[in-house]
Amino acid sequence: MTTDTPTLVGVDFDAVPWEKWAKPGAEGRVKIAYTQGLRVRLMELPAGFNEEEWCLRGHQGYVLGGEFTIHFDDRSVPCRPGMGFVIPDGERHRSQGADGEPTLVYVIDRQVS
């Protein structure tokens, strides 16, 4: 089977423009690519951000810079540079950045139409 559009394998984030990203309690910037039903993001959030809304979408990611905490209903998980994370679909969560420096994180999740 052939296709007219090649499957994106590498994401050249240097070539992707920054866009504004905002949720209540967290405003930052993001570079986004879509491939194979996935949304791939490089996100930069300011020091001390504190998401007010809970999320139910699953995410996988890797912390490149800064520190933040992922809050769940029954626990909180601190994340620092060099750590990866996997949040399953349906598990309610929100994030809060540490004071001092912005958070830079690589995040992958399912593309929602």
N, C-alpha and C. Protein backbone atom coordinates (compact mmCIF):
# COMPACT_ATOMS: atom_id res chain seq x y z
N MET A 1 0.84 -1.18 0.00
CA MET A 1 0.00 0.00 0.00
C MET A 1 0.89 1.24 0.00
N THR A 2 0.58 2.20 -0.84
CA THR A 2 1.35 3.44 -0.89
C THR A 2 0.48 4.59 -0.42
N THR A 3 1.15 5.64 0.00
CA THR A 3 0.45 6.83 0.46
C THR A 3 1.14 8.05 -0.12
N ASP A 4 0.39 9.10 -0.34
CA ASP A 4 0.95 10.34 -0.89
C ASP A 4 1.73 11.13 0.15
N THR A 5 1.37 10.96 1.43
CA THR A 5 2.01 11.71 2.50
C THR A 5 2.91 10.79 3.29
N PRO A 6 4.22 11.08 3.34
CA PRO A 6 5.10 10.22 4.12
C PRO A 6 4.79 10.35 5.61
N THR A 7 5.02 9.28 6.35
CA THR A 7 4.82 9.30 7.79
C THR A 7 5.95 10.10 8.43
N LEU A 8 5.57 11.06 9.25
CA LEU A 8 6.55 11.87 9.96
C LEU A 8 7.26 10.99 10.97
N VAL A 9 8.57 10.95 10.90
CA VAL A 9 9.36 10.15 11.83
C VAL A 9 10.13 11.07 12.76
N GLY A 10 10.83 12.04 12.21
CA GLY A 10 11.59 13.00 13.02
C GLY A 10 10.84 14.33 13.09
N VAL A 11 10.90 14.98 14.23
CA VAL A 11 10.28 16.29 14.39
C VAL A 11 11.40 17.30 14.56
N ASP A 12 11.54 18.21 13.60
CA ASP A 12 12.55 19.27 13.68
C ASP A 12 11.94 20.45 14.41
N PHE A 13 12.03 20.43 15.75
CA PHE A 13 11.41 21.49 16.53
C PHE A 13 12.03 22.86 16.24
N ASP A 14 13.27 22.91 15.74
CA ASP A 14 13.86 24.20 15.37
C ASP A 14 13.08 24.86 14.24
N ALA A 15 12.43 24.05 13.39
CA ALA A 15 11.67 24.58 12.26
C ALA A 15 10.20 24.85 12.59
N VAL A 16 9.76 24.43 13.77
CA VAL A 16 8.36 24.61 14.18
C VAL A 16 8.27 25.91 14.98
N PRO A 17 7.35 26.81 14.60
CA PRO A 17 7.24 28.07 15.34
C PRO A 17 6.60 27.88 16.71
N TRP A 18 7.00 28.73 17.65
CA TRP A 18 6.35 28.75 18.96
C TRP A 18 4.95 29.33 18.80
N GLU A 19 4.00 28.76 19.53
CA GLU A 19 2.64 29.26 19.60
C GLU A 19 2.32 29.55 21.06
N LYS A 20 1.37 30.45 21.28
CA LYS A 20 0.90 30.71 22.64
C LYS A 20 0.11 29.49 23.12
N TRP A 21 0.28 29.12 24.38
CA TRP A 21 -0.46 28.03 24.99
C TRP A 21 -1.02 28.53 26.30
N ALA A 22 -2.31 28.35 26.52
CA ALA A 22 -2.91 28.87 27.74
C ALA A 22 -4.01 27.95 28.25
N LYS A 23 -3.97 27.73 29.54
CA LYS A 23 -5.02 27.08 30.31
C LYS A 23 -5.16 27.92 31.57
N PRO A 24 -6.31 27.91 32.23
CA PRO A 24 -6.40 28.66 33.48
C PRO A 24 -5.29 28.26 34.45
N GLY A 25 -4.50 29.24 34.87
CA GLY A 25 -3.40 29.00 35.80
C GLY A 25 -2.06 28.70 35.14
N ALA A 26 -2.06 28.54 33.81
CA ALA A 26 -0.81 28.21 33.13
C ALA A 26 -0.82 28.80 31.73
N GLU A 27 0.04 29.76 31.52
CA GLU A 27 0.21 30.34 30.19
C GLU A 27 1.67 30.20 29.81
N GLY A 28 1.91 29.69 28.63
CA GLY A 28 3.28 29.50 28.19
C GLY A 28 3.33 29.48 26.68
N ARG A 29 4.23 28.66 26.16
CA ARG A 29 4.32 28.53 24.71
C ARG A 29 4.59 27.08 24.36
N VAL A 30 4.27 26.73 23.10
CA VAL A 30 4.34 25.34 22.68
C VAL A 30 4.70 25.25 21.21
N LYS A 31 5.43 24.19 20.85
CA LYS A 31 5.67 23.82 19.46
C LYS A 31 4.96 22.48 19.28
N ILE A 32 4.12 22.35 18.23
CA ILE A 32 3.28 21.17 18.07
C ILE A 32 3.49 20.54 16.70
N ALA A 33 3.58 19.21 16.68
CA ALA A 33 3.60 18.43 15.44
C ALA A 33 2.59 17.30 15.61
N TYR A 34 1.99 16.88 14.50
CA TYR A 34 1.02 15.78 14.50
C TYR A 34 1.51 14.69 13.57
N THR A 35 1.44 13.45 14.04
CA THR A 35 1.84 12.32 13.22
C THR A 35 1.25 11.04 13.78
N GLN A 36 0.83 10.15 12.88
CA GLN A 36 0.38 8.81 13.25
C GLN A 36 -0.67 8.82 14.36
N GLY A 37 -1.56 9.81 14.35
CA GLY A 37 -2.61 9.90 15.37
C GLY A 37 -2.14 10.45 16.70
N LEU A 38 -0.91 10.98 16.73
CA LEU A 38 -0.35 11.52 17.96
C LEU A 38 -0.11 13.02 17.85
N ARG A 39 -0.18 13.68 18.99
CA ARG A 39 0.20 15.09 19.11
C ARG A 39 1.53 15.10 19.87
N VAL A 40 2.55 15.69 19.26
CA VAL A 40 3.89 15.74 19.84
C VAL A 40 4.18 17.20 20.14
N ARG A 41 4.52 17.49 21.42
CA ARG A 41 4.69 18.89 21.81
C ARG A 41 5.99 19.12 22.57
N LEU A 42 6.57 20.29 22.34
CA LEU A 42 7.64 20.83 23.16
C LEU A 42 7.00 22.01 23.87
N MET A 43 6.89 21.93 25.20
CA MET A 43 6.17 22.95 25.96
C MET A 43 7.11 23.68 26.90
N GLU A 44 6.93 25.00 26.96
CA GLU A 44 7.67 25.82 27.92
C GLU A 44 6.64 26.58 28.76
N LEU A 45 6.68 26.34 30.07
CA LEU A 45 5.75 26.97 30.99
C LEU A 45 6.53 27.78 32.01
N PRO A 46 5.99 28.92 32.46
CA PRO A 46 6.73 29.78 33.37
C PRO A 46 6.88 29.18 34.76
N ALA A 47 7.90 29.64 35.48
CA ALA A 47 8.10 29.22 36.86
C ALA A 47 6.82 29.50 37.66
N GLY A 48 6.45 28.56 38.51
CA GLY A 48 5.31 28.76 39.40
C GLY A 48 3.94 28.58 38.76
N PHE A 49 3.87 28.10 37.52
CA PHE A 49 2.55 27.91 36.92
C PHE A 49 1.75 26.93 37.79
N ASN A 50 0.43 27.02 37.73
CA ASN A 50 -0.42 26.16 38.55
C ASN A 50 -1.74 25.92 37.81
N GLU A 51 -1.81 24.82 37.06
CA GLU A 51 -3.02 24.52 36.29
C GLU A 51 -4.21 24.41 37.23
N GLU A 52 -5.29 25.09 36.88
CA GLU A 52 -6.49 25.07 37.71
C GLU A 52 -7.44 23.96 37.29
N GLU A 53 -7.39 23.55 36.03
CA GLU A 53 -8.31 22.53 35.53
C GLU A 53 -7.66 21.15 35.57
N TRP A 54 -8.48 20.14 35.85
CA TRP A 54 -8.03 18.77 35.84
C TRP A 54 -8.11 18.23 34.43
N CYS A 55 -7.23 17.32 34.08
CA CYS A 55 -7.17 16.72 32.75
C CYS A 55 -7.38 15.21 32.88
N LEU A 56 -8.06 14.61 31.90
CA LEU A 56 -8.29 13.17 31.89
C LEU A 56 -7.57 12.47 30.73
N ARG A 57 -6.93 13.25 29.86
CA ARG A 57 -6.22 12.67 28.72
C ARG A 57 -4.88 12.11 29.19
N GLY A 58 -4.53 10.94 28.68
CA GLY A 58 -3.24 10.36 29.01
C GLY A 58 -2.11 11.07 28.29
N HIS A 59 -0.95 11.11 28.92
CA HIS A 59 0.24 11.75 28.34
C HIS A 59 1.47 10.91 28.66
N GLN A 60 2.45 11.01 27.79
CA GLN A 60 3.78 10.48 28.05
C GLN A 60 4.74 11.63 27.81
N GLY A 61 5.80 11.69 28.58
CA GLY A 61 6.70 12.80 28.36
C GLY A 61 8.05 12.63 29.02
N TYR A 62 8.86 13.67 28.82
CA TYR A 62 10.22 13.70 29.33
C TYR A 62 10.53 15.14 29.73
N VAL A 63 11.05 15.32 30.93
CA VAL A 63 11.35 16.65 31.46
C VAL A 63 12.75 17.07 31.01
N LEU A 64 12.81 18.16 30.26
CA LEU A 64 14.08 18.68 29.76
C LEU A 64 14.68 19.73 30.67
N GLY A 65 13.84 20.52 31.33
CA GLY A 65 14.33 21.59 32.20
C GLY A 65 13.26 22.02 33.18
N GLY A 66 13.70 22.56 34.30
CA GLY A 66 12.76 23.01 35.34
C GLY A 66 12.19 21.83 36.11
N GLU A 67 11.43 22.15 37.14
CA GLU A 67 10.79 21.12 37.94
C GLU A 67 9.32 21.43 38.08
N PHE A 68 8.51 20.38 38.14
CA PHE A 68 7.08 20.54 38.36
C PHE A 68 6.54 19.31 39.05
N THR A 69 5.31 19.41 39.53
CA THR A 69 4.66 18.31 40.21
C THR A 69 3.38 17.97 39.49
N ILE A 70 3.14 16.69 39.27
CA ILE A 70 1.88 16.23 38.71
C ILE A 70 1.02 15.79 39.89
N HIS A 71 -0.14 16.45 40.05
CA HIS A 71 -1.06 16.13 41.14
C HIS A 71 -2.16 15.21 40.62
N PHE A 72 -2.40 14.14 41.37
CA PHE A 72 -3.49 13.20 41.11
C PHE A 72 -4.45 13.30 42.29
N ASP A 73 -5.57 12.61 42.22
CA ASP A 73 -6.52 12.63 43.34
C ASP A 73 -5.92 12.07 44.62
N ASP A 74 -5.05 11.07 44.50
CA ASP A 74 -4.56 10.37 45.69
C ASP A 74 -3.06 10.53 45.94
N ARG A 75 -2.36 11.31 45.10
CA ARG A 75 -0.92 11.47 45.29
C ARG A 75 -0.40 12.60 44.41
N SER A 76 0.84 12.99 44.68
CA SER A 76 1.53 13.99 43.87
C SER A 76 2.89 13.42 43.51
N VAL A 77 3.32 13.65 42.26
CA VAL A 77 4.58 13.09 41.78
C VAL A 77 5.48 14.23 41.32
N PRO A 78 6.60 14.48 42.01
CA PRO A 78 7.54 15.51 41.56
C PRO A 78 8.31 15.03 40.33
N CYS A 79 8.53 15.95 39.40
CA CYS A 79 9.26 15.64 38.17
C CYS A 79 10.40 16.64 38.01
N ARG A 80 11.57 16.13 37.65
CA ARG A 80 12.75 16.97 37.48
C ARG A 80 13.42 16.60 36.16
N PRO A 81 14.36 17.40 35.69
CA PRO A 81 15.04 17.09 34.42
C PRO A 81 15.62 15.68 34.41
N GLY A 82 15.43 15.01 33.28
CA GLY A 82 15.91 13.65 33.12
C GLY A 82 14.86 12.60 33.44
N MET A 83 13.72 13.01 33.98
CA MET A 83 12.66 12.06 34.31
C MET A 83 11.64 11.97 33.19
N GLY A 84 11.13 10.78 32.97
CA GLY A 84 10.02 10.56 32.07
C GLY A 84 8.76 10.34 32.89
N PHE A 85 7.61 10.44 32.24
CA PHE A 85 6.35 10.15 32.93
C PHE A 85 5.37 9.53 31.95
N VAL A 86 4.47 8.71 32.48
CA VAL A 86 3.42 8.07 31.71
C VAL A 86 2.14 8.18 32.54
N ILE A 87 1.16 8.92 32.01
CA ILE A 87 -0.12 9.10 32.68
C ILE A 87 -1.18 8.41 31.82
N PRO A 88 -1.89 7.41 32.35
CA PRO A 88 -2.89 6.71 31.54
C PRO A 88 -4.14 7.55 31.29
N ASP A 89 -4.82 7.26 30.19
CA ASP A 89 -6.11 7.90 29.93
C ASP A 89 -7.04 7.68 31.11
N GLY A 90 -7.81 8.71 31.44
CA GLY A 90 -8.82 8.60 32.47
C GLY A 90 -8.34 8.86 33.88
N GLU A 91 -7.03 9.01 34.10
CA GLU A 91 -6.54 9.31 35.44
C GLU A 91 -6.44 10.83 35.61
N ARG A 92 -7.30 11.35 36.47
CA ARG A 92 -7.41 12.80 36.66
C ARG A 92 -6.11 13.37 37.22
N HIS A 93 -5.62 14.45 36.58
CA HIS A 93 -4.36 15.05 37.00
C HIS A 93 -4.29 16.52 36.59
N ARG A 94 -3.37 17.22 37.20
CA ARG A 94 -3.03 18.60 36.83
C ARG A 94 -1.59 18.83 37.27
N SER A 95 -0.96 19.88 36.73
CA SER A 95 0.45 20.12 37.02
C SER A 95 0.68 21.48 37.66
N GLN A 96 1.77 21.55 38.41
CA GLN A 96 2.15 22.78 39.10
C GLN A 96 3.66 22.94 39.03
N GLY A 97 4.11 24.09 38.51
CA GLY A 97 5.54 24.33 38.37
C GLY A 97 6.18 24.83 39.65
N ALA A 98 7.44 24.50 39.82
CA ALA A 98 8.21 25.00 40.94
C ALA A 98 8.61 26.45 40.67
N ASP A 99 8.82 27.19 41.73
CA ASP A 99 9.31 28.56 41.58
C ASP A 99 10.78 28.52 41.16
N GLY A 100 11.22 29.54 40.50
CA GLY A 100 12.64 29.64 40.20
C GLY A 100 13.00 29.58 38.73
N GLU A 101 12.49 28.62 37.98
CA GLU A 101 12.84 28.54 36.56
C GLU A 101 11.68 27.95 35.77
N PRO A 102 11.61 28.28 34.48
CA PRO A 102 10.55 27.72 33.63
C PRO A 102 10.70 26.20 33.50
N THR A 103 9.61 25.57 33.13
CA THR A 103 9.59 24.14 32.86
C THR A 103 9.63 23.92 31.35
N LEU A 104 10.50 23.05 30.89
CA LEU A 104 10.56 22.66 29.48
C LEU A 104 10.34 21.16 29.44
N VAL A 105 9.29 20.74 28.72
CA VAL A 105 8.91 19.33 28.72
C VAL A 105 8.47 18.89 27.33
N TYR A 106 8.82 17.66 26.99
CA TYR A 106 8.43 17.02 25.74
C TYR A 106 7.25 16.12 26.08
N VAL A 107 6.12 16.28 25.39
CA VAL A 107 4.88 15.56 25.73
C VAL A 107 4.29 14.93 24.48
N ILE A 108 3.85 13.70 24.60
CA ILE A 108 3.15 12.99 23.52
C ILE A 108 1.82 12.50 24.05
N ASP A 109 0.75 12.70 23.27
CA ASP A 109 -0.56 12.15 23.61
C ASP A 109 -1.34 11.89 22.34
N ARG A 110 -2.48 11.24 22.49
CA ARG A 110 -3.31 10.94 21.33
C ARG A 110 -3.91 12.22 20.77
N GLN A 111 -3.97 12.28 19.47
CA GLN A 111 -4.58 13.41 18.79
C GLN A 111 -6.09 13.30 18.93
N VAL A 112 -6.72 14.38 19.33
CA VAL A 112 -8.17 14.43 19.46
C VAL A 112 -8.72 15.26 18.32
N SER A 113 -9.71 14.72 17.62
CA SER A 113 -10.29 15.45 16.46
C SER A 113 -11.12 16.60 16.91
